[in-house]
PDB file of N, CA and C in Angstrom:
ATOM      1  N   MET A   1       0.852  -1.181   0.000  1.00  0.00           N
ATOM      2  CA  MET A   1       0.000   0.000   0.000  1.00  0.00           C
ATOM      3  C   MET A   1       0.898   1.244   0.000  1.00  0.00           C
ATOM      4  N   SER A   2       0.535   2.237  -0.785  1.00  0.00           N
ATOM      5  CA  SER A   2       1.327   3.464  -0.887  1.00  0.00           C
ATOM      6  C   SER A   2       1.140   4.337   0.351  1.00  0.00           C
ATOM      7  N   ILE A   3       2.038   5.298   0.522  1.00  0.00           N
ATOM      8  CA  ILE A   3       1.906   6.224   1.658  1.00  0.00           C
ATOM      9  C   ILE A   3       0.605   7.013   1.541  1.00  0.00           C
ATOM     10  N   GLU A   4       0.203   7.331   0.316  1.00  0.00           N
ATOM     11  CA  GLU A   4      -1.073   8.035   0.115  1.00  0.00           C
ATOM     12  C   GLU A   4      -2.231   7.183   0.630  1.00  0.00           C
ATOM     13  N   GLU A   5      -2.272   5.931   0.216  1.00  0.00           N
ATOM     14  CA  GLU A   5      -3.346   5.034   0.644  1.00  0.00           C
ATOM     15  C   GLU A   5      -3.322   4.811   2.151  1.00  0.00           C
ATOM     16  N   ASN A   6      -2.120   4.621   2.717  1.00  0.00           N
ATOM     17  CA  ASN A   6      -1.995   4.436   4.163  1.00  0.00           C
ATOM     18  C   ASN A   6      -2.476   5.669   4.918  1.00  0.00           C
ATOM     19  N   THR A   7      -2.096   6.841   4.433  1.00  0.00           N
ATOM     20  CA  THR A   7      -2.496   8.080   5.093  1.00  0.00           C
ATOM     21  C   THR A   7      -4.011   8.241   5.060  1.00  0.00           C
ATOM     22  N   ILE A   8      -4.614   8.005   3.907  1.00  0.00           N
ATOM     23  CA  ILE A   8      -6.067   8.116   3.773  1.00  0.00           C
ATOM     24  C   ILE A   8      -6.766   7.104   4.677  1.00  0.00           C
ATOM     25  N   GLN A   9      -6.222   5.905   4.765  1.00  0.00           N
ATOM     26  CA  GLN A   9      -6.813   4.877   5.621  1.00  0.00           C
ATOM     27  C   GLN A   9      -6.752   5.286   7.097  1.00  0.00           C
ATOM     28  N   VAL A  10      -5.611   5.790   7.546  1.00  0.00           N
ATOM     29  CA  VAL A  10      -5.475   6.207   8.946  1.00  0.00           C
ATOM     30  C   VAL A  10      -6.406   7.382   9.241  1.00  0.00           C
ATOM     31  N   ILE A  11      -6.463   8.337   8.332  1.00  0.00           N
ATOM     32  CA  ILE A  11      -7.372   9.477   8.517  1.00  0.00           C
ATOM     33  C   ILE A  11      -8.802   8.972   8.682  1.00  0.00           C
ATOM     34  N   GLY A  12      -9.179   8.006   7.860  1.00  0.00           N
ATOM     35  CA  GLY A  12     -10.528   7.459   7.907  1.00  0.00           C
ATOM     36  C   GLY A  12     -10.885   6.815   9.238  1.00  0.00           C
ATOM     37  N   GLN A  13      -9.889   6.342   9.968  1.00  0.00           N
ATOM     38  CA  GLN A  13     -10.143   5.729  11.273  1.00  0.00           C
ATOM     39  C   GLN A  13     -10.733   6.723  12.270  1.00  0.00           C
ATOM     40  N   PHE A  14     -10.569   8.011  11.985  1.00  0.00           N
ATOM     41  CA  PHE A  14     -11.053   9.046  12.898  1.00  0.00           C
ATOM     42  C   PHE A  14     -12.316   9.737  12.387  1.00  0.00           C
ATOM     43  N   SER A  15     -12.940   9.164  11.354  1.00  0.00           N
ATOM     44  CA  SER A  15     -14.089   9.825  10.729  1.00  0.00           C
ATOM     45  C   SER A  15     -15.282   9.976  11.656  1.00  0.00           C
ATOM     46  N   GLU A  16     -15.414   9.147  12.644  1.00  0.00           N
ATOM     47  CA  GLU A  16     -16.515   9.267  13.604  1.00  0.00           C
ATOM     48  C   GLU A  16     -16.150  10.138  14.806  1.00  0.00           C
ATOM     49  N   ARG A  17     -14.867  10.541  14.882  1.00  0.00           N
ATOM     50  CA  ARG A  17     -14.405  11.292  16.060  1.00  0.00           C
ATOM     51  C   ARG A  17     -13.963  12.713  15.744  1.00  0.00           C
ATOM     52  N   LEU A  18     -13.884  13.038  14.471  1.00  0.00           N
ATOM     53  CA  LEU A  18     -13.525  14.390  14.031  1.00  0.00           C
ATOM     54  C   LEU A  18     -14.564  14.862  13.015  1.00  0.00           C
ATOM     55  N   PRO A  19     -14.726  16.180  12.846  1.00  0.00           N
ATOM     56  CA  PRO A  19     -15.708  16.693  11.882  1.00  0.00           C
ATOM     57  C   PRO A  19     -15.452  16.185  10.460  1.00  0.00           C
ATOM     58  N   ALA A  20     -16.529  15.898   9.758  1.00  0.00           N
ATOM     59  CA  ALA A  20     -16.447  15.341   8.408  1.00  0.00           C
ATOM     60  C   ALA A  20     -15.686  16.255   7.450  1.00  0.00           C
ATOM     61  N   ASP A  21     -15.887  17.569   7.547  1.00  0.00           N
ATOM     62  CA  ASP A  21     -15.189  18.472   6.626  1.00  0.00           C
ATOM     63  C   ASP A  21     -13.680  18.447   6.865  1.00  0.00           C
ATOM     64  N   PHE A  22     -13.283  18.284   8.100  1.00  0.00           N
ATOM     65  CA  PHE A  22     -11.858  18.190   8.394  1.00  0.00           C
ATOM     66  C   PHE A  22     -11.274  16.895   7.826  1.00  0.00           C
ATOM     67  N   ILE A  23     -11.992  15.797   8.008  1.00  0.00           N
ATOM     68  CA  ILE A  23     -11.536  14.509   7.477  1.00  0.00           C
ATOM     69  C   ILE A  23     -11.352  14.613   5.966  1.00  0.00           C
ATOM     70  N   GLU A  24     -12.312  15.212   5.285  1.00  0.00           N
ATOM     71  CA  GLU A  24     -12.212  15.338   3.828  1.00  0.00           C
ATOM     72  C   GLU A  24     -11.046  16.241   3.423  1.00  0.00           C
ATOM     73  N   ASP A  25     -10.815  17.309   4.167  1.00  0.00           N
ATOM     74  CA  ASP A  25      -9.663  18.177   3.881  1.00  0.00           C
ATOM     75  C   ASP A  25      -8.352  17.400   3.988  1.00  0.00           C
ATOM     76  N   CYS A  26      -8.225  16.590   5.020  1.00  0.00           N
ATOM     77  CA  CYS A  26      -7.001  15.791   5.199  1.00  0.00           C
ATOM     78  C   CYS A  26      -6.851  14.768   4.081  1.00  0.00           C
ATOM     79  N   ARG A  27      -7.938  14.126   3.725  1.00  0.00           N
ATOM     80  CA  ARG A  27      -7.881  13.162   2.621  1.00  0.00           C
ATOM     81  C   ARG A  27      -7.465  13.847   1.328  1.00  0.00           C
ATOM     82  N   SER A  28      -8.011  15.030   1.095  1.00  0.00           N
ATOM     83  CA  SER A  28      -7.663  15.782  -0.110  1.00  0.00           C
ATOM     84  C   SER A  28      -6.173  16.114  -0.131  1.00  0.00           C
ATOM     85  N   LEU A  29      -5.636  16.540   0.999  1.00  0.00           N
ATOM     86  CA  LEU A  29      -4.196  16.813   1.082  1.00  0.00           C
ATOM     87  C   LEU A  29      -3.394  15.569   0.725  1.00  0.00           C
ATOM     88  N   ALA A  30      -3.784  14.430   1.287  1.00  0.00           N
ATOM     89  CA  ALA A  30      -3.064  13.179   1.022  1.00  0.00           C
ATOM     90  C   ALA A  30      -3.140  12.807  -0.457  1.00  0.00           C
ATOM     91  N   ARG A  31      -4.315  12.995  -1.063  1.00  0.00           N
ATOM     92  CA  ARG A  31      -4.475  12.668  -2.490  1.00  0.00           C
ATOM     93  C   ARG A  31      -3.640  13.585  -3.384  1.00  0.00           C
ATOM     94  N   HIS A  32      -3.288  14.761  -2.869  1.00  0.00           N
ATOM     95  CA  HIS A  32      -2.502  15.721  -3.647  1.00  0.00           C
ATOM     96  C   HIS A  32      -1.033  15.757  -3.205  1.00  0.00           C
ATOM     97  N   ASN A  33      -0.553  14.606  -2.755  1.00  0.00           N
ATOM     98  CA  ASN A  33       0.861  14.427  -2.385  1.00  0.00           C
ATOM     99  C   ASN A  33       1.308  15.317  -1.238  1.00  0.00           C
ATOM    100  N   GLU A  34       0.396  15.703  -0.389  1.00  0.00           N
ATOM    101  CA  GLU A  34       0.712  16.500   0.802  1.00  0.00           C
ATOM    102  C   GLU A  34       0.511  15.650   2.056  1.00  0.00           C
ATOM    103  N   TRP A  35       1.125  14.440   2.043  1.00  0.00           N
ATOM    104  CA  TRP A  35       0.937  13.502   3.148  1.00  0.00           C
ATOM    105  C   TRP A  35       1.411  14.088   4.464  1.00  0.00           C
ATOM    106  N   GLY A  36       2.564  14.726   4.443  1.00  0.00           N
ATOM    107  CA  GLY A  36       3.101  15.300   5.668  1.00  0.00           C
ATOM    108  C   GLY A  36       2.163  16.317   6.278  1.00  0.00           C
ATOM    109  N   LEU A  37       1.634  17.206   5.462  1.00  0.00           N
ATOM    110  CA  LEU A  37       0.709  18.219   5.946  1.00  0.00           C
ATOM    111  C   LEU A  37      -0.588  17.568   6.446  1.00  0.00           C
ATOM    112  N   ALA A  38      -1.051  16.543   5.752  1.00  0.00           N
ATOM    113  CA  ALA A  38      -2.261  15.831   6.187  1.00  0.00           C
ATOM    114  C   ALA A  38      -2.035  15.195   7.556  1.00  0.00           C
ATOM    115  N   ILE A  39      -0.881  14.601   7.766  1.00  0.00           N
ATOM    116  CA  ILE A  39      -0.572  13.969   9.052  1.00  0.00           C
ATOM    117  C   ILE A  39      -0.435  15.025  10.144  1.00  0.00           C
ATOM    118  N   GLU A  40       0.268  16.108   9.836  1.00  0.00           N
ATOM    119  CA  GLU A  40       0.403  17.192  10.821  1.00  0.00           C
ATOM    120  C   GLU A  40      -0.961  17.739  11.225  1.00  0.00           C
ATOM    121  N   ASN A  41      -1.818  18.005  10.239  1.00  0.00           N
ATOM    122  CA  ASN A  41      -3.159  18.529  10.522  1.00  0.00           C
ATOM    123  C   ASN A  41      -3.985  17.532  11.328  1.00  0.00           C
ATOM    124  N   LEU A  42      -3.876  16.256  10.981  1.00  0.00           N
ATOM    125  CA  LEU A  42      -4.602  15.230  11.722  1.00  0.00           C
ATOM    126  C   LEU A  42      -4.178  15.241  13.190  1.00  0.00           C
ATOM    127  N   CYS A  43      -2.893  15.246  13.442  1.00  0.00           N
ATOM    128  CA  CYS A  43      -2.394  15.232  14.818  1.00  0.00           C
ATOM    129  C   CYS A  43      -2.849  16.468  15.589  1.00  0.00           C
ATOM    130  N   THR A  44      -2.774  17.611  14.950  1.00  0.00           N
ATOM    131  CA  THR A  44      -3.210  18.849  15.607  1.00  0.00           C
ATOM    132  C   THR A  44      -4.689  18.787  15.963  1.00  0.00           C
ATOM    133  N   GLN A  45      -5.508  18.321  15.042  1.00  0.00           N
ATOM    134  CA  GLN A  45      -6.942  18.262  15.297  1.00  0.00           C
ATOM    135  C   GLN A  45      -7.296  17.189  16.324  1.00  0.00           C
ATOM    136  N   LEU A  46      -6.583  16.086  16.334  1.00  0.00           N
ATOM    137  CA  LEU A  46      -6.814  15.087  17.374  1.00  0.00           C
ATOM    138  C   LEU A  46      -6.582  15.704  18.747  1.00  0.00           C
ATOM    139  N   TYR A  47      -5.544  16.481  18.852  1.00  0.00           N
ATOM    140  CA  TYR A  47      -5.239  17.154  20.118  1.00  0.00           C
ATOM    141  C   TYR A  47      -6.306  18.201  20.446  1.00  0.00           C
ATOM    142  N   GLU A  48      -6.650  19.026  19.470  1.00  0.00           N
ATOM    143  CA  GLU A  48      -7.624  20.097  19.687  1.00  0.00           C
ATOM    144  C   GLU A  48      -9.000  19.563  20.073  1.00  0.00           C
ATOM    145  N   TYR A  49      -9.398  18.453  19.473  1.00  0.00           N
ATOM    146  CA  TYR A  49     -10.703  17.872  19.765  1.00  0.00           C
ATOM    147  C   TYR A  49     -10.636  16.849  20.908  1.00  0.00           C
ATOM    148  N   ASP A  50      -9.476  16.740  21.525  1.00  0.00           N
ATOM    149  CA  ASP A  50      -9.259  15.834  22.648  1.00  0.00           C
ATOM    150  C   ASP A  50      -9.624  14.392  22.293  1.00  0.00           C
ATOM    151  N   VAL A  51      -9.244  13.996  21.081  1.00  0.00           N
ATOM    152  CA  VAL A  51      -9.443  12.618  20.627  1.00  0.00           C
ATOM    153  C   VAL A  51      -8.182  11.846  20.980  1.00  0.00           C
ATOM    154  N   GLN A  52      -8.354  10.778  21.718  1.00  0.00           N
ATOM    155  CA  GLN A  52      -7.213   9.998  22.161  1.00  0.00           C
ATOM    156  C   GLN A  52      -7.064   8.754  21.294  1.00  0.00           C
ATOM    157  N   PRO A  53      -6.054   8.743  20.431  1.00  0.00           N
ATOM    158  CA  PRO A  53      -5.849   7.565  19.585  1.00  0.00           C
ATOM    159  C   PRO A  53      -5.468   6.352  20.432  1.00  0.00           C
ATOM    160  N   SER A  54      -5.872   5.189  19.970  1.00  0.00           N
ATOM    161  CA  SER A  54      -5.445   3.955  20.624  1.00  0.00           C
ATOM    162  C   SER A  54      -3.951   3.783  20.383  1.00  0.00           C
ATOM    163  N   ALA A  55      -3.360   2.857  21.089  1.00  0.00           N
ATOM    164  CA  ALA A  55      -1.929   2.577  20.903  1.00  0.00           C
ATOM    165  C   ALA A  55      -1.643   2.173  19.459  1.00  0.00           C
ATOM    166  N   GLN A  56      -2.529   1.377  18.865  1.00  0.00           N
ATOM    167  CA  GLN A  56      -2.355   0.951  17.480  1.00  0.00           C
ATOM    168  C   GLN A  56      -2.455   2.136  16.525  1.00  0.00           C
ATOM    169  N   GLU A  57      -3.447   2.996  16.739  1.00  0.00           N
ATOM    170  CA  GLU A  57      -3.603   4.178  15.888  1.00  0.00           C
ATOM    171  C   GLU A  57      -2.398   5.095  16.010  1.00  0.00           C
ATOM    172  N   LEU A  58      -1.922   5.274  17.221  1.00  0.00           N
ATOM    173  CA  LEU A  58      -0.759   6.124  17.436  1.00  0.00           C
ATOM    174  C   LEU A  58       0.467   5.546  16.744  1.00  0.00           C
ATOM    175  N   ASP A  59       0.618   4.233  16.785  1.00  0.00           N
ATOM    176  CA  ASP A  59       1.741   3.587  16.102  1.00  0.00           C
ATOM    177  C   ASP A  59       1.638   3.795  14.590  1.00  0.00           C
ATOM    178  N   GLU A  60       0.438   3.717  14.049  1.00  0.00           N
ATOM    179  CA  GLU A  60       0.242   3.949  12.615  1.00  0.00           C
ATOM    180  C   GLU A  60       0.578   5.390  12.254  1.00  0.00           C
ATOM    181  N   ILE A  61       0.158   6.327  13.092  1.00  0.00           N
ATOM    182  CA  ILE A  61       0.474   7.739  12.862  1.00  0.00           C
ATOM    183  C   ILE A  61       1.987   7.942  12.902  1.00  0.00           C
ATOM    184  N   ARG A  62       2.641   7.339  13.883  1.00  0.00           N
ATOM    185  CA  ARG A  62       4.097   7.458  14.005  1.00  0.00           C
ATOM    186  C   ARG A  62       4.795   6.928  12.750  1.00  0.00           C
ATOM    187  N   ARG A  63       4.376   5.761  12.285  1.00  0.00           N
ATOM    188  CA  ARG A  63       4.997   5.174  11.093  1.00  0.00           C
ATOM    189  C   ARG A  63       4.791   6.058   9.861  1.00  0.00           C
ATOM    190  N   LEU A  64       3.597   6.607   9.724  1.00  0.00           N
ATOM    191  CA  LEU A  64       3.331   7.507   8.596  1.00  0.00           C
ATOM    192  C   LEU A  64       4.193   8.763   8.687  1.00  0.00           C
ATOM    193  N   ALA A  65       4.280   9.327   9.884  1.00  0.00           N
ATOM    194  CA  ALA A  65       5.079  10.541  10.075  1.00  0.00           C
ATOM    195  C   ALA A  65       6.540  10.274   9.723  1.00  0.00           C
ATOM    196  N   GLU A  66       7.053   9.140  10.168  1.00  0.00           N
ATOM    197  CA  GLU A  66       8.439   8.792   9.844  1.00  0.00           C
ATOM    198  C   GLU A  66       8.611   8.588   8.344  1.00  0.00           C
ATOM    199  N   SER A  67       7.647   7.933   7.701  1.00  0.00           N
ATOM    200  CA  SER A  67       7.725   7.711   6.252  1.00  0.00           C
ATOM    201  C   SER A  67       7.702   9.021   5.475  1.00  0.00           C
ATOM    202  N   ALA A  68       6.991  10.001   6.017  1.00  0.00           N
ATOM    203  CA  ALA A  68       6.899  11.310   5.364  1.00  0.00           C
ATOM    204  C   ALA A  68       8.066  12.210   5.740  1.00  0.00           C
ATOM    205  N   GLY A  69       8.971  11.715   6.604  1.00  0.00           N
ATOM    206  CA  GLY A  69      10.137  12.500   6.991  1.00  0.00           C
ATOM    207  C   GLY A  69       9.830  13.587   8.010  1.00  0.00           C
ATOM    208  N   LEU A  70       8.743  13.413   8.769  1.00  0.00           N
ATOM    209  CA  LEU A  70       8.368  14.416   9.768  1.00  0.00           C
ATOM    210  C   LEU A  70       9.100  14.165  11.073  1.00  0.00           C
ATOM    211  N   LYS A  71       9.296  15.225  11.816  1.00  0.00           N
ATOM    212  CA  LYS A  71       9.955  15.113  13.106  1.00  0.00           C
ATOM    213  C   LYS A  71       9.007  14.498  14.131  1.00  0.00           C
ATOM    214  N   GLU A  72       9.601  13.945  15.179  1.00  0.00           N
ATOM    215  CA  GLU A  72       8.827  13.287  16.231  1.00  0.00           C
ATOM    216  C   GLU A  72       7.830  14.228  16.887  1.00  0.00           C
ATOM    217  N   ASP A  73       8.163  15.516  16.970  1.00  0.00           N
ATOM    218  CA  ASP A  73       7.251  16.453  17.636  1.00  0.00           C
ATOM    219  C   ASP A  73       5.964  16.702  16.842  1.00  0.00           C
ATOM    220  N   THR A  74       5.860  16.103  15.658  1.00  0.00           N
ATOM    221  CA  THR A  74       4.628  16.172  14.873  1.00  0.00           C
ATOM    222  C   THR A  74       3.519  15.380  15.545  1.00  0.00           C
ATOM    223  N   TRP A  75       3.882  14.297  16.207  1.00  0.00           N
ATOM    224  CA  TRP A  75       2.881  13.397  16.772  1.00  0.00           C
ATOM    225  C   TRP A  75       3.093  13.048  18.240  1.00  0.00           C
ATOM    226  N   ASP A  76       4.296  13.227  18.779  1.00  0.00           N
ATOM    227  CA  ASP A  76       4.563  12.689  20.119  1.00  0.00           C
ATOM    228  C   ASP A  76       3.777  13.388  21.230  1.00  0.00           C
ATOM    229  N   PHE A  77       3.270  14.578  20.976  1.00  0.00           N
ATOM    230  CA  PHE A  77       2.447  15.251  21.997  1.00  0.00           C
ATOM    231  C   PHE A  77       1.137  14.501  22.230  1.00  0.00           C
ATOM    232  N   LEU A  78       0.726  13.653  21.271  1.00  0.00           N
ATOM    233  CA  LEU A  78      -0.473  12.853  21.472  1.00  0.00           C
ATOM    234  C   LEU A  78      -0.274  11.801  22.556  1.00  0.00           C
ATOM    235  N   VAL A  79       0.961  11.356  22.724  1.00  0.00           N
ATOM    236  CA  VAL A  79       1.276  10.396  23.791  1.00  0.00           C
ATOM    237  C   VAL A  79       1.135  11.080  25.141  1.00  0.00           C
ATOM    238  N   SER A  80       1.682  12.267  25.250  1.00  0.00           N
ATOM    239  CA  SER A  80       1.649  12.967  26.529  1.00  0.00           C
ATOM    240  C   SER A  80       0.289  13.573  26.836  1.00  0.00           C
ATOM    241  N   SER A  81      -0.614  13.577  25.842  1.00  0.00           N
ATOM    242  CA  SER A  81      -1.951  14.108  26.110  1.00  0.00           C
ATOM    243  C   SER A  81      -2.859  13.077  26.750  1.00  0.00           C
ATOM    244  N   GLY A  82      -2.286  11.900  27.026  1.00  0.00           N
ATOM    245  CA  GLY A  82      -3.052  10.898  27.750  1.00  0.00           C
ATOM    246  C   GLY A  82      -3.730   9.875  26.861  1.00  0.00           C
ATOM    247  N   SER A  83      -3.158   9.588  25.709  1.00  0.00           N
ATOM    248  CA  SER A  83      -3.788   8.607  24.831  1.00  0.00           C
ATOM    249  C   SER A  83      -3.814   7.249  25.508  1.00  0.00           C
ATOM    250  N   SER A  84      -4.839   6.499  25.170  1.00  0.00           N
ATOM    251  CA  SER A  84      -4.992   5.171  25.758  1.00  0.00           C
ATOM    252  C   SER A  84      -3.993   4.212  25.142  1.00  0.00           C
ATOM    253  N   THR A  85      -3.636   3.189  25.888  1.00  0.00           N
ATOM    254  CA  THR A  85      -2.696   2.197  25.394  1.00  0.00           C
ATOM    255  C   THR A  85      -3.298   0.832  25.337  1.00  0.00           C
TER     256      THR A  85
END
């Protein structure tokens, strides 16, 4: 699976926990080769909406961020925000 497909799939996991327009914006970014920005926006909105990713979801986000060449501070604040494990 490509990074685009993986990013869209991970974003979709939060479709019931984040606003639909935001989910579509992130998917659109991923479809237009802006995976890093889509991941950054997803992480920011998860924090803003106090959505706590599961350990598996957080691991998927981490792997995507690393694949996109993003720094750890793109996603690691989700761990310290009290995400479930």
